Structures are given as structure tokens and as C-alpha cells.
Amino acid sequence: MIEPCPLCQFTTTTPFFSDNRRDYLRCPQCKLIFVSRDDLLSQKEEKARYDLHENSPEDEGYRQFLKLFLEPFIQRIGPPPVEGLDFGSGPGPVLAMILEKQGYGMTLYDPYYAPDKSPLQCTYDFVTCTETIEHFNSPDKDWRLLISLLKPGAWLGIMTQLVEDPKEFPGMHYITDRTHVSFFSRQTFQYLADRDDLHLEIEADNLIFFKSKH
């Protein structure tokens, strides 16, 4: 079973791990771990699982979770007025609501819940992508779209659980969600920063910030 890497297109990936539901491969070039294309959910199955998410603005635990991302991100983007896009905003765009209350201009895009693609024709002072990039079935296409949305000097904030040690991957809770199909490491994000000439800052094992240089 050999599949090209869905992020960097390297042709010779290697089997990495299998459980009773899916096969995972790893790219030797960008270090992405990804689910075999044969094991991806259909769009209908994917949407049904997303509909079960309960990320409500009234959920204080979820707001505190987002605060871990927002505090270091706001330090980088500075005070309003600046305009941002929440990419993969989901059924309850809590992050965008919090930022709007603080005076930031926010636009939403989500392929299922905010599918209007006109916001993707614009560029922004910042883009947020929280708990979303691990869902990318076509990470190369989606990544290139993400960075195309950045103005020169703009920040991209990502929240996703990094694979810190490949040996610990089989025990990651992250892989139990079948909509999680792309698993990134520090090496993966460094590869993208080098390839696409972006400034990279990794704040924690789930907080990743890129700054556009151009």
C-alpha cells in the first residue's frame, strides 16, 4: 500500500500504523501522518459527525479552551480594528463571536456551515484555523488556500494536537475521531514554513502561529 503524500505530494510514503478501523501512512519528506484514502468518510458521513458537535457559546469549558489559543494569538495580531477570517468555523462559531465582542471584524467560512465561497476571494489581517486542519482530506489544496488568504505580514493561527513523538501516536486520543485524518508534527509545520517562506512560531503542543512575509 503506497499512496502519495496528500500534503507535499512525495510519492513514496510508508505504512505507519493500523488499528481496527483505519490504516495510517507517514511521509518521509514532510512527516505528515495521514489516513489512507480508502478509509476516508463520505461527505455525508462527515457532516453527520460534525452535526453532533456541541461547541456552544454558553459552554464555559469550551470558551476556556479557546482562551488558550486567543491570548497568545491576540498578542500577535494586536488590537482592533483589524479584519480576520475564521476558516472552518463549524456549527457554532464561538471563536469568531469572542473576537467580534472584542472589536475585531470577523468573516466566516466553513464548507458545511458557512459555505459561501466569496470570502475566499479576499485577504485578511489574520486567519484562524482552530481544531480544523486535522480534518483536511486534501491538505495540500486546503493549506495553499489558507495561506492565499493572508495579507503581507498577516498571522495564521492554528490549533491542532501535534504528534510530538511518533511512537506515541497509537495512544493519541486524537485518532479516535474518524473525521481526524491529517496529523501534523513540528517537522511538518517547519517543512511548510521553509517551503512557503513563512515565519513559524510554535507556542505549545497544540498552538502554531505563522506570519506571512510577503
N, C-alpha and C. Protein backbone atom coordinates (compact mmCIF):
# COMPACT_ATOMS: atom_id res chain seq x y z
N MET A 1 0.85 -1.18 0.00
CA MET A 1 0.00 0.00 0.00
C MET A 1 0.89 1.25 0.00
N ILE A 2 0.99 1.89 -1.15
CA ILE A 2 1.75 3.13 -1.25
C ILE A 2 0.85 4.20 -1.84
N GLU A 3 0.74 5.30 -1.13
CA GLU A 3 -0.06 6.43 -1.61
C GLU A 3 0.81 7.68 -1.56
N PRO A 4 0.68 8.57 -2.53
CA PRO A 4 1.43 9.83 -2.45
C PRO A 4 0.96 10.66 -1.26
N CYS A 5 1.86 11.46 -0.72
CA CYS A 5 1.52 12.30 0.41
C CYS A 5 0.48 13.34 -0.02
N PRO A 6 -0.64 13.47 0.70
CA PRO A 6 -1.67 14.44 0.31
C PRO A 6 -1.29 15.88 0.65
N LEU A 7 -0.14 16.08 1.33
CA LEU A 7 0.30 17.43 1.67
C LEU A 7 1.42 17.91 0.76
N CYS A 8 2.48 17.11 0.61
CA CYS A 8 3.63 17.57 -0.17
C CYS A 8 3.80 16.82 -1.49
N GLN A 9 2.94 15.83 -1.73
CA GLN A 9 2.92 15.06 -2.97
C GLN A 9 4.14 14.13 -3.13
N PHE A 10 4.91 13.94 -2.08
CA PHE A 10 6.02 12.98 -2.15
C PHE A 10 5.45 11.61 -2.49
N THR A 11 6.08 10.93 -3.42
CA THR A 11 5.43 9.74 -3.99
C THR A 11 5.62 8.47 -3.16
N THR A 12 6.65 8.41 -2.36
CA THR A 12 6.94 7.17 -1.66
C THR A 12 6.68 7.31 -0.16
N THR A 13 5.44 7.17 0.24
CA THR A 13 5.10 7.17 1.66
C THR A 13 5.14 5.73 2.18
N THR A 14 5.12 5.59 3.50
CA THR A 14 5.28 4.25 4.08
C THR A 14 4.14 3.95 5.04
N PRO A 15 3.69 2.69 5.10
CA PRO A 15 2.71 2.31 6.12
C PRO A 15 3.27 2.62 7.50
N PHE A 16 2.43 3.17 8.36
CA PHE A 16 2.91 3.62 9.67
C PHE A 16 2.23 2.90 10.82
N PHE A 17 0.91 2.76 10.73
CA PHE A 17 0.15 2.18 11.83
C PHE A 17 -1.22 1.76 11.31
N SER A 18 -1.78 0.72 11.90
CA SER A 18 -3.15 0.31 11.57
C SER A 18 -3.87 -0.02 12.87
N ASP A 19 -5.14 0.35 12.93
CA ASP A 19 -5.98 -0.11 14.03
C ASP A 19 -7.17 -0.86 13.42
N ASN A 20 -8.19 -1.11 14.21
CA ASN A 20 -9.29 -1.93 13.68
C ASN A 20 -10.23 -1.13 12.79
N ARG A 21 -9.94 0.15 12.56
CA ARG A 21 -10.81 0.97 11.71
C ARG A 21 -10.09 1.55 10.50
N ARG A 22 -8.78 1.87 10.66
CA ARG A 22 -8.12 2.63 9.59
C ARG A 22 -6.65 2.25 9.46
N ASP A 23 -6.11 2.54 8.27
CA ASP A 23 -4.68 2.43 8.04
C ASP A 23 -4.11 3.85 7.94
N TYR A 24 -2.92 4.02 8.53
CA TYR A 24 -2.25 5.32 8.52
C TYR A 24 -0.91 5.19 7.82
N LEU A 25 -0.55 6.22 7.07
CA LEU A 25 0.74 6.25 6.39
C LEU A 25 1.51 7.48 6.87
N ARG A 26 2.82 7.46 6.62
CA ARG A 26 3.66 8.60 7.01
C ARG A 26 4.54 9.00 5.84
N CYS A 27 4.68 10.30 5.68
CA CYS A 27 5.52 10.82 4.60
C CYS A 27 6.93 11.05 5.11
N PRO A 28 7.95 10.48 4.45
CA PRO A 28 9.32 10.70 4.91
C PRO A 28 9.84 12.10 4.62
N GLN A 29 9.15 12.85 3.76
CA GLN A 29 9.63 14.19 3.43
C GLN A 29 9.07 15.25 4.39
N CYS A 30 7.74 15.35 4.51
CA CYS A 30 7.15 16.39 5.36
C CYS A 30 6.72 15.85 6.73
N LYS A 31 6.79 14.54 6.92
CA LYS A 31 6.48 13.87 8.19
C LYS A 31 4.99 13.86 8.54
N LEU A 32 4.13 14.24 7.60
CA LEU A 32 2.70 14.15 7.86
C LEU A 32 2.30 12.68 8.04
N ILE A 33 1.47 12.42 9.04
CA ILE A 33 0.81 11.12 9.17
C ILE A 33 -0.62 11.31 8.68
N PHE A 34 -1.07 10.44 7.82
CA PHE A 34 -2.39 10.63 7.23
C PHE A 34 -3.11 9.30 7.07
N VAL A 35 -4.42 9.39 7.04
CA VAL A 35 -5.27 8.22 6.88
C VAL A 35 -5.29 7.81 5.41
N SER A 36 -5.24 6.52 5.17
CA SER A 36 -5.33 6.02 3.80
C SER A 36 -6.59 6.56 3.12
N ARG A 37 -6.42 6.93 1.87
CA ARG A 37 -7.56 7.47 1.11
C ARG A 37 -8.74 6.50 1.07
N ASP A 38 -8.47 5.20 1.20
CA ASP A 38 -9.54 4.20 1.19
C ASP A 38 -10.41 4.27 2.44
N ASP A 39 -9.89 4.90 3.50
CA ASP A 39 -10.59 4.90 4.78
C ASP A 39 -11.25 6.24 5.10
N LEU A 40 -11.25 7.17 4.16
CA LEU A 40 -11.89 8.46 4.40
C LEU A 40 -13.41 8.31 4.43
N LEU A 41 -14.06 9.10 5.26
CA LEU A 41 -15.51 9.11 5.31
C LEU A 41 -16.07 9.82 4.08
N SER A 42 -17.31 9.50 3.73
CA SER A 42 -18.00 10.27 2.71
C SER A 42 -18.37 11.63 3.29
N GLN A 43 -18.72 12.58 2.43
CA GLN A 43 -19.13 13.90 2.91
C GLN A 43 -20.38 13.79 3.80
N LYS A 44 -21.27 12.91 3.43
CA LYS A 44 -22.49 12.72 4.23
C LYS A 44 -22.15 12.20 5.62
N GLU A 45 -21.26 11.22 5.69
CA GLU A 45 -20.85 10.67 6.99
C GLU A 45 -20.12 11.72 7.82
N GLU A 46 -19.28 12.47 7.15
CA GLU A 46 -18.51 13.52 7.82
C GLU A 46 -19.44 14.57 8.43
N LYS A 47 -20.38 15.05 7.62
CA LYS A 47 -21.31 16.09 8.09
C LYS A 47 -22.15 15.57 9.26
N ALA A 48 -22.56 14.31 9.22
CA ALA A 48 -23.37 13.75 10.31
C ALA A 48 -22.59 13.77 11.62
N ARG A 49 -21.30 13.55 11.56
CA ARG A 49 -20.48 13.58 12.77
C ARG A 49 -20.29 15.01 13.27
N TYR A 50 -20.10 15.94 12.34
CA TYR A 50 -19.94 17.34 12.75
C TYR A 50 -21.21 17.87 13.39
N ASP A 51 -22.36 17.40 12.94
CA ASP A 51 -23.63 17.86 13.49
C ASP A 51 -23.78 17.49 14.97
N LEU A 52 -23.00 16.52 15.43
CA LEU A 52 -23.06 16.08 16.82
C LEU A 52 -22.22 16.96 17.74
N HIS A 53 -21.36 17.80 17.16
CA HIS A 53 -20.50 18.66 17.98
C HIS A 53 -21.36 19.64 18.78
N GLU A 54 -20.99 19.84 20.02
CA GLU A 54 -21.76 20.73 20.90
C GLU A 54 -20.86 21.84 21.42
N ASN A 55 -20.34 22.65 20.51
CA ASN A 55 -19.47 23.77 20.89
C ASN A 55 -20.31 25.04 20.99
N SER A 56 -20.96 25.19 22.13
CA SER A 56 -21.90 26.29 22.33
C SER A 56 -21.20 27.49 22.95
N PRO A 57 -21.66 28.73 22.62
CA PRO A 57 -21.12 29.92 23.27
C PRO A 57 -21.35 29.92 24.78
N GLU A 58 -22.36 29.16 25.22
CA GLU A 58 -22.66 29.11 26.65
C GLU A 58 -21.79 28.09 27.39
N ASP A 59 -21.01 27.30 26.65
CA ASP A 59 -20.17 26.27 27.27
C ASP A 59 -18.89 26.92 27.78
N GLU A 60 -18.83 27.14 29.09
CA GLU A 60 -17.69 27.84 29.69
C GLU A 60 -16.39 27.04 29.50
N GLY A 61 -16.49 25.71 29.56
CA GLY A 61 -15.30 24.88 29.36
C GLY A 61 -14.71 25.08 27.97
N TYR A 62 -15.58 25.17 26.98
CA TYR A 62 -15.11 25.37 25.61
C TYR A 62 -14.53 26.77 25.44
N ARG A 63 -15.14 27.76 26.07
CA ARG A 63 -14.61 29.12 26.00
C ARG A 63 -13.23 29.20 26.63
N GLN A 64 -13.04 28.49 27.73
CA GLN A 64 -11.72 28.48 28.38
C GLN A 64 -10.69 27.77 27.50
N PHE A 65 -11.13 26.73 26.82
CA PHE A 65 -10.26 26.02 25.87
C PHE A 65 -9.79 26.97 24.77
N LEU A 66 -10.72 27.74 24.21
CA LEU A 66 -10.37 28.69 23.16
C LEU A 66 -9.49 29.82 23.69
N LYS A 67 -9.65 30.15 24.96
CA LYS A 67 -8.84 31.22 25.56
C LYS A 67 -7.35 30.87 25.50
N LEU A 68 -7.03 29.59 25.59
CA LEU A 68 -5.63 29.15 25.49
C LEU A 68 -5.03 29.56 24.15
N PHE A 69 -5.87 29.56 23.12
CA PHE A 69 -5.44 29.98 21.79
C PHE A 69 -5.48 31.51 21.66
N LEU A 70 -6.55 32.11 22.15
CA LEU A 70 -6.79 33.52 21.89
C LEU A 70 -5.77 34.44 22.55
N GLU A 71 -5.36 34.14 23.76
CA GLU A 71 -4.45 35.05 24.46
C GLU A 71 -3.13 35.24 23.71
N PRO A 72 -2.43 34.17 23.34
CA PRO A 72 -1.18 34.38 22.59
C PRO A 72 -1.42 34.88 21.17
N PHE A 73 -2.57 34.55 20.58
CA PHE A 73 -2.83 34.99 19.22
C PHE A 73 -3.09 36.50 19.18
N ILE A 74 -3.88 37.00 20.12
CA ILE A 74 -4.18 38.43 20.15
C ILE A 74 -2.91 39.24 20.41
N GLN A 75 -1.99 38.68 21.18
CA GLN A 75 -0.70 39.37 21.38
C GLN A 75 0.01 39.58 20.05
N ARG A 76 -0.19 38.67 19.13
CA ARG A 76 0.49 38.76 17.83
C ARG A 76 -0.25 39.68 16.85
N ILE A 77 -1.56 39.59 16.81
CA ILE A 77 -2.29 40.37 15.80
C ILE A 77 -2.51 41.81 16.23
N GLY A 78 -2.37 42.08 17.53
CA GLY A 78 -2.55 43.44 18.00
C GLY A 78 -4.01 43.80 18.18
N PRO A 79 -4.27 45.04 18.62
CA PRO A 79 -5.65 45.45 18.92
C PRO A 79 -6.45 45.72 17.65
N PRO A 80 -7.79 45.72 17.75
CA PRO A 80 -8.62 46.12 16.62
C PRO A 80 -8.40 47.61 16.36
N PRO A 81 -8.77 48.09 15.16
CA PRO A 81 -9.55 47.36 14.14
C PRO A 81 -8.66 46.63 13.14
N VAL A 82 -8.78 45.34 13.10
CA VAL A 82 -8.20 44.52 12.03
C VAL A 82 -9.25 43.48 11.64
N GLU A 83 -9.12 42.95 10.43
CA GLU A 83 -10.14 42.06 9.88
C GLU A 83 -9.60 40.63 9.79
N GLY A 84 -10.42 39.69 10.24
CA GLY A 84 -9.99 38.30 10.21
C GLY A 84 -11.02 37.37 9.61
N LEU A 85 -10.56 36.17 9.27
CA LEU A 85 -11.42 35.10 8.76
C LEU A 85 -11.26 33.90 9.67
N ASP A 86 -12.39 33.32 10.09
CA ASP A 86 -12.37 32.06 10.83
C ASP A 86 -12.61 30.95 9.82
N PHE A 87 -11.57 30.19 9.52
CA PHE A 87 -11.61 29.15 8.49
C PHE A 87 -11.95 27.82 9.17
N GLY A 88 -13.10 27.26 8.81
CA GLY A 88 -13.58 26.04 9.46
C GLY A 88 -14.31 26.40 10.74
N SER A 89 -15.22 27.36 10.64
CA SER A 89 -15.87 27.93 11.82
C SER A 89 -16.82 26.97 12.51
N GLY A 90 -17.29 25.94 11.80
CA GLY A 90 -18.12 24.92 12.41
C GLY A 90 -19.55 25.38 12.67
N PRO A 91 -20.36 24.53 13.29
CA PRO A 91 -21.77 24.84 13.50
C PRO A 91 -21.99 25.94 14.54
N GLY A 92 -21.03 26.13 15.45
CA GLY A 92 -21.13 27.18 16.45
C GLY A 92 -19.86 28.00 16.46
N PRO A 93 -19.82 29.11 15.73
CA PRO A 93 -18.57 29.87 15.57
C PRO A 93 -18.21 30.69 16.81
N VAL A 94 -17.90 30.00 17.90
CA VAL A 94 -17.68 30.67 19.19
C VAL A 94 -16.45 31.57 19.13
N LEU A 95 -15.39 31.10 18.50
CA LEU A 95 -14.16 31.89 18.43
C LEU A 95 -14.42 33.23 17.76
N ALA A 96 -15.13 33.21 16.64
CA ALA A 96 -15.44 34.46 15.93
C ALA A 96 -16.30 35.37 16.79
N MET A 97 -17.24 34.79 17.53
CA MET A 97 -18.11 35.60 18.40
C MET A 97 -17.29 36.33 19.47
N ILE A 98 -16.33 35.61 20.06
CA ILE A 98 -15.50 36.21 21.10
C ILE A 98 -14.67 37.36 20.52
N LEU A 99 -14.09 37.13 19.34
CA LEU A 99 -13.27 38.16 18.72
C LEU A 99 -14.11 39.37 18.31
N GLU A 100 -15.30 39.12 17.81
CA GLU A 100 -16.19 40.23 17.44
C GLU A 100 -16.55 41.08 18.65
N LYS A 101 -16.79 40.44 19.80
CA LYS A 101 -17.12 41.19 21.01
C LYS A 101 -15.95 42.07 21.45
N GLN A 102 -14.75 41.67 21.06
CA GLN A 102 -13.56 42.46 21.41
C GLN A 102 -13.24 43.51 20.35
N GLY A 103 -14.09 43.61 19.32
CA GLY A 103 -13.93 44.68 18.34
C GLY A 103 -13.29 44.29 17.04
N TYR A 104 -12.97 43.01 16.86
CA TYR A 104 -12.36 42.56 15.62
C TYR A 104 -13.43 42.29 14.56
N GLY A 105 -13.15 42.65 13.33
CA GLY A 105 -14.03 42.29 12.24
C GLY A 105 -13.83 40.83 11.87
N MET A 106 -14.90 40.07 11.79
CA MET A 106 -14.77 38.64 11.53
C MET A 106 -15.66 38.19 10.38
N THR A 107 -15.09 37.36 9.52
CA THR A 107 -15.82 36.70 8.44
C THR A 107 -15.69 35.20 8.66
N LEU A 108 -16.72 34.46 8.27
CA LEU A 108 -16.74 33.01 8.48
C LEU A 108 -16.63 32.27 7.15
N TYR A 109 -15.92 31.13 7.21
CA TYR A 109 -16.00 30.17 6.11
C TYR A 109 -15.95 28.78 6.69
N ASP A 110 -16.87 27.94 6.25
CA ASP A 110 -16.87 26.54 6.60
C ASP A 110 -17.56 25.79 5.45
N PRO A 111 -16.96 24.72 4.95
CA PRO A 111 -17.55 24.05 3.79
C PRO A 111 -18.96 23.52 4.03
N TYR A 112 -19.32 23.28 5.30
CA TYR A 112 -20.66 22.77 5.60
C TYR A 112 -21.58 23.82 6.21
N TYR A 113 -21.05 24.68 7.08
CA TYR A 113 -21.92 25.55 7.87
C TYR A 113 -21.86 27.02 7.45
N ALA A 114 -20.87 27.42 6.70
CA ALA A 114 -20.80 28.78 6.14
C ALA A 114 -20.17 28.65 4.76
N PRO A 115 -20.89 27.99 3.81
CA PRO A 115 -20.27 27.54 2.56
C PRO A 115 -20.11 28.60 1.47
N ASP A 116 -20.58 29.82 1.73
CA ASP A 116 -20.38 30.88 0.74
C ASP A 116 -18.88 31.07 0.51
N LYS A 117 -18.45 30.91 -0.74
CA LYS A 117 -17.01 30.97 -1.05
C LYS A 117 -16.51 32.38 -1.37
N SER A 118 -17.39 33.36 -1.38
CA SER A 118 -16.93 34.71 -1.71
C SER A 118 -15.88 35.24 -0.73
N PRO A 119 -15.93 34.89 0.59
CA PRO A 119 -14.86 35.34 1.48
C PRO A 119 -13.48 34.81 1.09
N LEU A 120 -13.45 33.73 0.32
CA LEU A 120 -12.17 33.15 -0.08
C LEU A 120 -11.50 33.92 -1.21
N GLN A 121 -12.20 34.93 -1.72
CA GLN A 121 -11.62 35.79 -2.76
C GLN A 121 -10.92 37.01 -2.15
N CYS A 122 -10.93 37.13 -0.83
CA CYS A 122 -10.36 38.30 -0.15
C CYS A 122 -9.11 37.88 0.61
N THR A 123 -8.38 38.87 1.11
CA THR A 123 -7.26 38.62 2.01
C THR A 123 -7.52 39.34 3.33
N TYR A 124 -6.85 38.87 4.38
CA TYR A 124 -7.18 39.30 5.73
C TYR A 124 -5.93 39.63 6.54
N ASP A 125 -6.15 40.38 7.62
CA ASP A 125 -5.06 40.71 8.55
C ASP A 125 -4.68 39.51 9.40
N PHE A 126 -5.63 38.59 9.58
CA PHE A 126 -5.34 37.35 10.29
C PHE A 126 -6.36 36.30 9.89
N VAL A 127 -5.97 35.05 10.03
CA VAL A 127 -6.85 33.91 9.76
C VAL A 127 -6.73 32.94 10.94
N THR A 128 -7.85 32.46 11.44
CA THR A 128 -7.84 31.45 12.49
C THR A 128 -8.29 30.11 11.92
N CYS A 129 -7.68 29.06 12.42
CA CYS A 129 -8.00 27.70 11.95
C CYS A 129 -7.85 26.78 13.16
N THR A 130 -8.87 26.77 14.02
CA THR A 130 -8.77 26.05 15.29
C THR A 130 -9.50 24.73 15.23
N GLU A 131 -8.77 23.67 15.59
CA GLU A 131 -9.32 22.31 15.58
C GLU A 131 -9.97 22.01 14.23
N THR A 132 -9.26 22.36 13.16
CA THR A 132 -9.80 22.22 11.80
C THR A 132 -8.83 21.52 10.86
N ILE A 133 -7.55 21.84 10.96
CA ILE A 133 -6.59 21.36 9.96
C ILE A 133 -6.46 19.84 9.99
N GLU A 134 -6.73 19.23 11.15
CA GLU A 134 -6.68 17.77 11.24
C GLU A 134 -7.81 17.10 10.45
N HIS A 135 -8.82 17.89 10.05
CA HIS A 135 -9.94 17.38 9.26
C HIS A 135 -9.69 17.47 7.75
N PHE A 136 -8.57 18.07 7.35
CA PHE A 136 -8.34 18.30 5.92
C PHE A 136 -8.13 16.98 5.17
N ASN A 137 -9.08 16.63 4.31
CA ASN A 137 -8.91 15.46 3.44
C ASN A 137 -7.90 15.73 2.32
N SER A 138 -7.84 16.97 1.90
CA SER A 138 -6.91 17.38 0.84
C SER A 138 -6.00 18.48 1.39
N PRO A 139 -5.07 18.11 2.27
CA PRO A 139 -4.32 19.15 2.99
C PRO A 139 -3.48 20.05 2.11
N ASP A 140 -2.98 19.56 0.98
CA ASP A 140 -2.20 20.42 0.10
C ASP A 140 -3.07 21.55 -0.45
N LYS A 141 -4.22 21.19 -0.99
CA LYS A 141 -5.14 22.18 -1.55
C LYS A 141 -5.62 23.16 -0.48
N ASP A 142 -6.00 22.63 0.69
CA ASP A 142 -6.54 23.48 1.74
C ASP A 142 -5.46 24.38 2.35
N TRP A 143 -4.25 23.85 2.50
CA TRP A 143 -3.15 24.66 3.03
C TRP A 143 -2.84 25.82 2.09
N ARG A 144 -2.76 25.55 0.81
CA ARG A 144 -2.45 26.62 -0.15
C ARG A 144 -3.57 27.67 -0.15
N LEU A 145 -4.80 27.22 0.03
CA LEU A 145 -5.90 28.17 0.14
C LEU A 145 -5.73 29.03 1.39
N LEU A 146 -5.42 28.40 2.51
CA LEU A 146 -5.25 29.13 3.76
C LEU A 146 -4.24 30.27 3.63
N ILE A 147 -3.06 29.95 3.11
CA ILE A 147 -2.02 30.99 3.07
C ILE A 147 -2.30 32.03 1.99
N SER A 148 -3.14 31.68 1.01
CA SER A 148 -3.51 32.67 0.00
C SER A 148 -4.42 33.75 0.58
N LEU A 149 -5.00 33.50 1.75
CA LEU A 149 -5.93 34.43 2.37
C LEU A 149 -5.21 35.49 3.22
N LEU A 150 -3.90 35.37 3.36
CA LEU A 150 -3.14 36.25 4.24
C LEU A 150 -2.63 37.47 3.50
N LYS A 151 -2.85 38.63 4.09
CA LYS A 151 -2.19 39.84 3.61
C LYS A 151 -0.71 39.77 3.98
N PRO A 152 0.15 40.57 3.35
CA PRO A 152 1.55 40.63 3.79
C PRO A 152 1.63 41.00 5.28
N GLY A 153 2.39 40.23 6.02
CA GLY A 153 2.53 40.48 7.45
C GLY A 153 1.40 39.95 8.30
N ALA A 154 0.44 39.24 7.69
CA ALA A 154 -0.71 38.71 8.44
C ALA A 154 -0.33 37.44 9.19
N TRP A 155 -1.10 37.17 10.23
CA TRP A 155 -0.88 35.96 11.04
C TRP A 155 -1.93 34.90 10.73
N LEU A 156 -1.47 33.66 10.71
CA LEU A 156 -2.34 32.48 10.65
C LEU A 156 -2.19 31.74 11.96
N GLY A 157 -3.30 31.58 12.68
CA GLY A 157 -3.27 30.87 13.95
C GLY A 157 -3.93 29.51 13.82
N ILE A 158 -3.20 28.48 14.20
CA ILE A 158 -3.68 27.10 14.08
C ILE A 158 -3.69 26.46 15.46
N MET A 159 -4.77 25.76 15.74
CA MET A 159 -4.86 24.94 16.95
C MET A 159 -5.11 23.51 16.51
N THR A 160 -4.16 22.65 16.77
CA THR A 160 -4.29 21.22 16.45
C THR A 160 -3.30 20.47 17.33
N GLN A 161 -3.60 19.24 17.67
CA GLN A 161 -2.71 18.48 18.54
C GLN A 161 -1.53 17.94 17.74
N LEU A 162 -0.34 18.38 18.10
CA LEU A 162 0.85 17.93 17.39
C LEU A 162 1.21 16.50 17.76
N VAL A 163 1.75 15.77 16.80
CA VAL A 163 2.35 14.47 17.07
C VAL A 163 3.77 14.75 17.57
N GLU A 164 3.96 14.73 18.87
CA GLU A 164 5.26 15.05 19.44
C GLU A 164 6.26 13.90 19.29
N ASP A 165 5.76 12.68 19.44
CA ASP A 165 6.62 11.50 19.32
C ASP A 165 5.84 10.44 18.53
N PRO A 166 6.32 10.11 17.32
CA PRO A 166 5.59 9.12 16.51
C PRO A 166 5.30 7.82 17.24
N LYS A 167 6.17 7.44 18.20
CA LYS A 167 5.95 6.19 18.93
C LYS A 167 4.69 6.26 19.78
N GLU A 168 4.29 7.48 20.15
CA GLU A 168 3.11 7.63 21.00
C GLU A 168 1.82 7.81 20.19
N PHE A 169 1.96 7.85 18.88
CA PHE A 169 0.80 8.09 18.02
C PHE A 169 -0.34 7.10 18.26
N PRO A 170 -0.07 5.79 18.38
CA PRO A 170 -1.19 4.84 18.56
C PRO A 170 -2.04 5.14 19.79
N GLY A 171 -1.48 5.83 20.79
CA GLY A 171 -2.23 6.12 22.01
C GLY A 171 -2.87 7.50 22.03
N MET A 172 -2.72 8.26 20.95
CA MET A 172 -3.31 9.60 20.91
C MET A 172 -4.84 9.52 20.85
N HIS A 173 -5.48 10.28 21.73
CA HIS A 173 -6.94 10.32 21.71
C HIS A 173 -7.44 10.91 20.38
N TYR A 174 -6.61 11.76 19.78
CA TYR A 174 -6.98 12.45 18.54
C TYR A 174 -7.39 11.48 17.43
N ILE A 175 -6.79 10.31 17.40
CA ILE A 175 -7.05 9.40 16.28
C ILE A 175 -8.37 8.65 16.44
N THR A 176 -9.02 8.79 17.60
CA THR A 176 -10.29 8.07 17.79
C THR A 176 -11.45 8.74 17.05
N ASP A 177 -11.27 9.98 16.63
CA ASP A 177 -12.29 10.69 15.86
C ASP A 177 -12.05 10.41 14.38
N ARG A 178 -12.99 9.78 13.73
CA ARG A 178 -12.77 9.36 12.34
C ARG A 178 -12.79 10.53 11.35
N THR A 179 -13.19 11.72 11.80
CA THR A 179 -13.07 12.88 10.93
C THR A 179 -11.67 13.50 11.01
N HIS A 180 -10.85 13.04 11.94
CA HIS A 180 -9.45 13.47 12.02
C HIS A 180 -8.63 12.58 11.08
N VAL A 181 -8.07 13.18 10.05
CA VAL A 181 -7.41 12.37 9.02
C VAL A 181 -6.00 12.84 8.66
N SER A 182 -5.59 14.02 9.15
CA SER A 182 -4.25 14.56 8.86
C SER A 182 -3.62 14.97 10.19
N PHE A 183 -2.45 14.41 10.48
CA PHE A 183 -1.83 14.61 11.78
C PHE A 183 -0.44 15.23 11.58
N PHE A 184 -0.27 16.40 12.16
CA PHE A 184 0.90 17.23 11.91
C PHE A 184 1.88 17.14 13.08
N SER A 185 3.14 17.33 12.77
CA SER A 185 4.18 17.41 13.79
C SER A 185 4.90 18.75 13.64
N ARG A 186 5.82 19.04 14.55
CA ARG A 186 6.63 20.24 14.43
C ARG A 186 7.41 20.22 13.10
N GLN A 187 7.90 19.04 12.75
CA GLN A 187 8.66 18.92 11.49
C GLN A 187 7.80 19.24 10.28
N THR A 188 6.53 18.83 10.33
CA THR A 188 5.62 19.10 9.21
C THR A 188 5.43 20.60 9.05
N PHE A 189 5.16 21.28 10.15
CA PHE A 189 4.94 22.73 10.06
C PHE A 189 6.24 23.46 9.68
N GLN A 190 7.38 22.95 10.14
CA GLN A 190 8.65 23.58 9.74
C GLN A 190 8.88 23.39 8.25
N TYR A 191 8.53 22.22 7.75
CA TYR A 191 8.65 21.97 6.31
C TYR A 191 7.81 22.98 5.53
N LEU A 192 6.57 23.22 5.96
CA LEU A 192 5.69 24.16 5.26
C LEU A 192 6.22 25.59 5.37
N ALA A 193 6.74 25.94 6.55
CA ALA A 193 7.30 27.29 6.72
C ALA A 193 8.48 27.52 5.78
N ASP A 194 9.35 26.52 5.67
CA ASP A 194 10.53 26.65 4.80
C ASP A 194 10.10 26.69 3.32
N ARG A 195 9.20 25.81 2.95
CA ARG A 195 8.78 25.72 1.55
C ARG A 195 8.06 26.99 1.10
N ASP A 196 7.19 27.52 1.99
CA ASP A 196 6.32 28.62 1.58
C ASP A 196 6.79 29.98 2.12
N ASP A 197 8.01 30.02 2.67
CA ASP A 197 8.62 31.26 3.14
C ASP A 197 7.72 31.97 4.16
N LEU A 198 7.40 31.24 5.22
CA LEU A 198 6.58 31.78 6.31
C LEU A 198 7.39 31.77 7.60
N HIS A 199 7.11 32.72 8.45
CA HIS A 199 7.71 32.74 9.79
C HIS A 199 6.87 31.87 10.70
N LEU A 200 7.51 30.93 11.42
CA LEU A 200 6.79 29.96 12.25
C LEU A 200 7.12 30.16 13.72
N GLU A 201 6.09 30.15 14.55
CA GLU A 201 6.26 30.14 16.00
C GLU A 201 5.33 29.07 16.57
N ILE A 202 5.92 28.13 17.32
CA ILE A 202 5.12 27.09 17.98
C ILE A 202 5.09 27.41 19.46
N GLU A 203 3.90 27.75 19.95
CA GLU A 203 3.73 28.23 21.32
C GLU A 203 3.60 27.07 22.30
N ALA A 204 2.95 26.00 21.87
CA ALA A 204 2.70 24.84 22.74
C ALA A 204 2.46 23.64 21.83
N ASP A 205 2.14 22.49 22.44
CA ASP A 205 1.98 21.29 21.63
C ASP A 205 0.68 21.27 20.83
N ASN A 206 -0.09 22.38 20.92
CA ASN A 206 -1.30 22.48 20.07
C ASN A 206 -1.53 23.91 19.57
N LEU A 207 -0.55 24.79 19.71
CA LEU A 207 -0.69 26.17 19.27
C LEU A 207 0.44 26.52 18.31
N ILE A 208 0.06 26.79 17.06
CA ILE A 208 1.02 27.03 15.99
C ILE A 208 0.66 28.33 15.29
N PHE A 209 1.64 29.21 15.12
CA PHE A 209 1.39 30.51 14.51
C PHE A 209 2.35 30.74 13.36
N PHE A 210 1.80 31.15 12.23
CA PHE A 210 2.59 31.51 11.06
C PHE A 210 2.38 32.98 10.74
N LYS A 211 3.43 33.63 10.25
CA LYS A 211 3.31 35.01 9.79
C LYS A 211 3.75 35.07 8.35
N SER A 212 2.91 35.69 7.52
CA SER A 212 3.24 35.85 6.11
C SER A 212 4.32 36.91 5.97
N LYS A 213 5.31 36.62 5.15
CA LYS A 213 6.41 37.58 4.94
C LYS A 213 6.15 38.47 3.74
N HIS A 214 5.21 38.08 2.88
CA HIS A 214 5.03 38.80 1.62
C HIS A 214 3.58 39.28 1.47
